[in-house]
Amino acid sequence: TSVDVNGQRIQGRHVLLATGSVPKSLPGLDIDGNRVISSDHALVLDRVPESAIILGGGVIGVEFASAWKSFGTDVTVIEGLKHLVPVEDENSSKILERAFRKRGIKFNLGTFFEKAEYTESGVRVTLADGKTFEAEVLLVAIGRGPVSQGLGYEEQGVAMDRGYVLVDEYMQTNVPTISAVGDLVPTLQLAHVGF
């Protein structure tokens, strides 16, 4: 099996695909890295925002909400589903919601995002029910997607589904000499299940 990388051909008996993931966004919501940011941007901010709206109440969103609140940020989490961390057990979600209330972390549940627009000092978010929120930054934390487009996987015959590389229980693709691991495969995007 061979792989072309930057004009150089690399050969081996097996190829391991592990190209990772990137933050997702919504149609019409442009992440500018300044006032509308992804979790990747949030990790390298040179300041702690005074206020933040976090779009997405999943694991990434609630982690940033908790961390930023600990540093003094006024935080509001927007989650379209009826609970924070909605893919977790409902009792766990309720315990987290209670803890967030005690800490002063605000959240709005069960109403979907409509739009975001810049203000003089930050961003205004409007929900489908007309409710608005304003903050210095908007963190878009609605999940991550695989890095696979334009890398030639499909051209080599690798079976794909919505950008993910399909693998068996041994992390092998349908091409016998190619395996894939990590956020590139359709499992929970957590280190202990990526392999």
Protein backbone atom coordinates (compact mmCIF):
# COMPACT_ATOMS: atom_id res chain seq x y z
CA THR A 1 0.00 0.00 0.00
CA SER A 2 1.27 3.49 -0.76
CA VAL A 3 0.26 6.99 0.27
CA ASP A 4 1.24 10.25 -1.42
CA VAL A 5 2.04 13.03 1.07
CA ASN A 6 3.21 16.44 -0.17
CA GLY A 7 4.57 14.90 -3.36
CA GLN A 8 6.37 12.09 -1.55
CA ARG A 9 5.23 8.48 -1.92
CA ILE A 10 5.33 6.48 1.31
CA GLN A 11 4.95 2.69 1.14
CA GLY A 12 4.07 0.13 3.77
CA ARG A 13 2.11 -3.04 4.35
CA HIS A 14 -0.67 -1.18 6.19
CA VAL A 15 -2.04 2.35 6.36
CA LEU A 16 -3.60 3.77 9.53
CA LEU A 17 -6.00 6.67 9.01
CA ALA A 18 -6.18 8.99 12.03
CA THR A 19 -6.92 12.47 10.69
CA GLY A 20 -9.04 13.61 13.64
CA SER A 21 -11.96 16.00 13.79
CA VAL A 22 -12.93 19.65 13.50
CA PRO A 23 -15.62 21.69 15.27
CA LYS A 24 -19.02 21.75 13.54
CA SER A 25 -21.09 24.86 12.90
CA LEU A 26 -24.56 25.59 11.58
CA PRO A 27 -25.50 26.87 8.12
CA GLY A 28 -25.20 30.65 8.09
CA LEU A 29 -23.26 30.79 11.36
CA ASP A 30 -19.72 31.84 10.50
CA ILE A 31 -17.07 31.13 13.10
CA ASP A 32 -14.70 34.11 12.89
CA GLY A 33 -12.34 33.10 15.71
CA ASN A 34 -12.88 36.43 17.46
CA ARG A 35 -16.46 36.99 18.64
CA VAL A 36 -17.92 33.73 17.30
CA ILE A 37 -15.52 30.97 18.27
CA SER A 38 -15.14 27.19 18.26
CA SER A 39 -13.80 25.08 21.10
CA ASP A 40 -10.44 25.05 19.29
CA HIS A 41 -10.35 28.87 19.48
CA ALA A 42 -11.53 28.85 23.10
CA LEU A 43 -8.59 26.67 24.13
CA VAL A 44 -6.09 29.27 22.92
CA LEU A 45 -7.84 32.52 23.90
CA ASP A 46 -5.44 35.08 25.35
CA ARG A 47 -8.10 36.31 27.77
CA VAL A 48 -11.07 35.10 29.79
CA PRO A 49 -14.26 36.57 28.32
CA GLU A 50 -16.40 38.71 30.64
CA SER A 51 -19.52 37.08 29.23
CA ALA A 52 -20.20 34.13 26.95
CA ILE A 53 -23.09 32.41 25.25
CA ILE A 54 -22.39 28.76 24.63
CA LEU A 55 -24.39 27.23 21.79
CA GLY A 56 -24.64 23.55 22.66
CA GLY A 57 -25.19 21.93 26.05
CA GLY A 58 -23.28 18.74 25.33
CA VAL A 59 -20.01 17.67 26.91
CA ILE A 60 -17.86 20.35 25.26
CA GLY A 61 -20.33 23.14 26.01
CA VAL A 62 -20.82 22.30 29.69
CA GLU A 63 -17.07 21.83 30.24
CA PHE A 64 -16.40 25.35 28.96
CA ALA A 65 -19.38 26.73 30.90
CA SER A 66 -18.00 25.31 34.14
CA ALA A 67 -14.40 26.39 33.49
CA TRP A 68 -15.29 29.91 32.39
CA LYS A 69 -17.67 30.39 35.33
CA SER A 70 -14.81 29.38 37.65
CA PHE A 71 -12.79 32.24 36.14
CA GLY A 72 -15.65 34.72 36.62
CA THR A 73 -17.30 34.69 33.20
CA ASP A 74 -21.06 35.35 33.04
CA VAL A 75 -22.18 32.22 31.13
CA THR A 76 -25.42 31.28 29.36
CA VAL A 77 -25.75 27.86 27.69
CA ILE A 78 -28.25 27.43 24.83
CA GLU A 79 -29.35 23.82 24.23
CA GLY A 80 -32.09 23.00 21.71
CA LEU A 81 -33.02 19.73 23.41
CA LYS A 82 -34.80 19.53 26.77
CA HIS A 83 -31.77 18.83 29.01
CA LEU A 84 -28.08 19.66 29.29
CA VAL A 85 -25.85 16.77 28.11
CA PRO A 86 -28.94 15.32 26.38
CA VAL A 87 -27.30 12.04 25.32
CA GLU A 88 -26.56 11.17 28.96
CA ASP A 89 -28.91 9.65 31.52
CA GLU A 90 -31.71 12.11 32.33
CA ASN A 91 -31.01 11.94 36.09
CA SER A 92 -27.38 12.91 35.44
CA SER A 93 -28.57 15.83 33.32
CA LYS A 94 -30.89 17.03 36.10
CA ILE A 95 -28.10 16.83 38.69
CA LEU A 96 -25.83 18.89 36.42
CA GLU A 97 -28.60 21.43 35.80
CA ARG A 98 -29.12 21.80 39.57
CA ALA A 99 -25.36 22.28 40.09
CA PHE A 100 -25.26 24.90 37.31
CA ARG A 101 -28.16 26.80 38.90
CA LYS A 102 -26.32 26.84 42.26
CA ARG A 103 -23.18 28.19 40.56
CA GLY A 104 -25.09 30.85 38.65
CA ILE A 105 -24.55 29.30 35.22
CA LYS A 106 -27.63 30.21 33.20
CA PHE A 107 -29.09 27.93 30.55
CA ASN A 108 -31.98 27.92 28.12
CA LEU A 109 -33.33 24.52 27.08
CA GLY A 110 -35.75 23.23 24.47
CA THR A 111 -35.57 26.10 21.96
CA PHE A 112 -33.41 26.08 18.87
CA PHE A 113 -30.95 28.69 17.68
CA GLU A 114 -32.24 31.07 15.00
CA LYS A 115 -29.42 33.54 14.30
CA ALA A 116 -26.41 35.42 15.62
CA GLU A 117 -25.46 38.99 14.84
CA TYR A 118 -22.62 41.26 15.89
CA THR A 119 -23.23 44.10 18.32
CA GLU A 120 -20.89 46.96 19.27
CA SER A 121 -19.47 44.96 22.15
CA GLY A 122 -20.02 41.33 21.15
CA VAL A 123 -22.75 39.08 19.81
CA ARG A 124 -26.54 38.83 20.05
CA VAL A 125 -28.14 35.40 19.71
CA THR A 126 -31.81 35.01 18.80
CA LEU A 127 -33.69 31.77 19.42
CA ALA A 128 -36.60 30.36 17.42
CA ASP A 129 -39.06 31.66 20.05
CA GLY A 130 -37.72 35.22 19.68
CA LYS A 131 -35.76 35.25 22.95
CA THR A 132 -32.41 37.07 22.68
CA PHE A 133 -29.14 36.86 24.60
CA GLU A 134 -26.06 39.09 24.39
CA ALA A 135 -22.47 38.43 25.37
CA GLU A 136 -18.87 39.26 24.51
CA VAL A 137 -18.36 35.92 22.73
CA LEU A 138 -20.42 33.10 21.28
CA LEU A 139 -18.85 29.66 21.63
CA VAL A 140 -20.26 27.23 19.07
CA ALA A 141 -20.06 23.83 20.77
CA ILE A 142 -22.48 21.68 18.78
CA GLY A 143 -20.12 18.79 18.19
CA ARG A 144 -17.23 17.79 16.01
CA GLY A 145 -17.03 16.20 12.57
CA PRO A 146 -14.41 13.97 10.93
CA VAL A 147 -11.53 15.35 8.87
CA SER A 148 -11.91 13.28 5.70
CA GLN A 149 -12.97 15.46 2.79
CA GLY A 150 -10.54 15.75 -0.07
CA LEU A 151 -8.08 13.23 1.34
CA GLY A 152 -8.74 10.52 -1.25
CA TYR A 153 -10.27 7.90 1.03
CA GLU A 154 -13.26 7.20 -1.21
CA GLU A 155 -11.08 7.17 -4.33
CA GLN A 156 -9.13 4.31 -2.73
CA GLY A 157 -12.37 2.39 -2.19
CA VAL A 158 -12.70 3.03 1.55
CA ALA A 159 -16.35 2.77 2.65
CA MET A 160 -17.61 6.05 4.13
CA ASP A 161 -20.79 7.30 5.79
CA ARG A 162 -21.38 11.06 6.26
CA GLY A 163 -17.64 11.67 6.21
CA TYR A 164 -16.81 8.92 8.71
CA VAL A 165 -14.66 5.93 7.74
CA LEU A 166 -16.54 2.68 8.36
CA VAL A 167 -14.61 0.03 10.30
CA ASP A 168 -15.21 -3.37 11.88
CA GLU A 169 -14.63 -4.30 15.53
CA TYR A 170 -10.87 -4.51 14.79
CA MET A 171 -10.81 -0.97 13.31
CA GLN A 172 -10.22 -2.36 9.81
CA THR A 173 -11.91 -0.77 6.81
CA ASN A 174 -13.32 -2.70 3.89
CA VAL A 175 -9.88 -2.31 2.25
CA PRO A 176 -7.76 -5.05 3.94
CA THR A 177 -4.58 -2.95 4.24
CA ILE A 178 -6.25 0.19 5.63
CA SER A 179 -7.40 0.74 9.23
CA ALA A 180 -8.86 3.84 10.88
CA VAL A 181 -9.04 5.08 14.47
CA GLY A 182 -10.09 8.06 16.55
CA ASP A 183 -12.62 10.74 15.63
CA LEU A 184 -12.52 9.59 12.01
CA VAL A 185 -14.67 6.53 12.83
CA PRO A 186 -18.38 6.73 13.76
CA THR A 187 -18.14 6.14 17.52
CA LEU A 188 -18.42 8.46 20.50
CA GLN A 189 -15.65 11.01 20.17
CA LEU A 190 -13.93 10.09 23.40
CA ALA A 191 -10.37 8.83 23.71
CA HIS A 192 -11.28 5.54 25.35
CA VAL A 193 -13.64 4.51 22.52
CA GLY A 194 -11.62 5.85 19.57
CA PHE A 195 -9.42 2.75 19.38
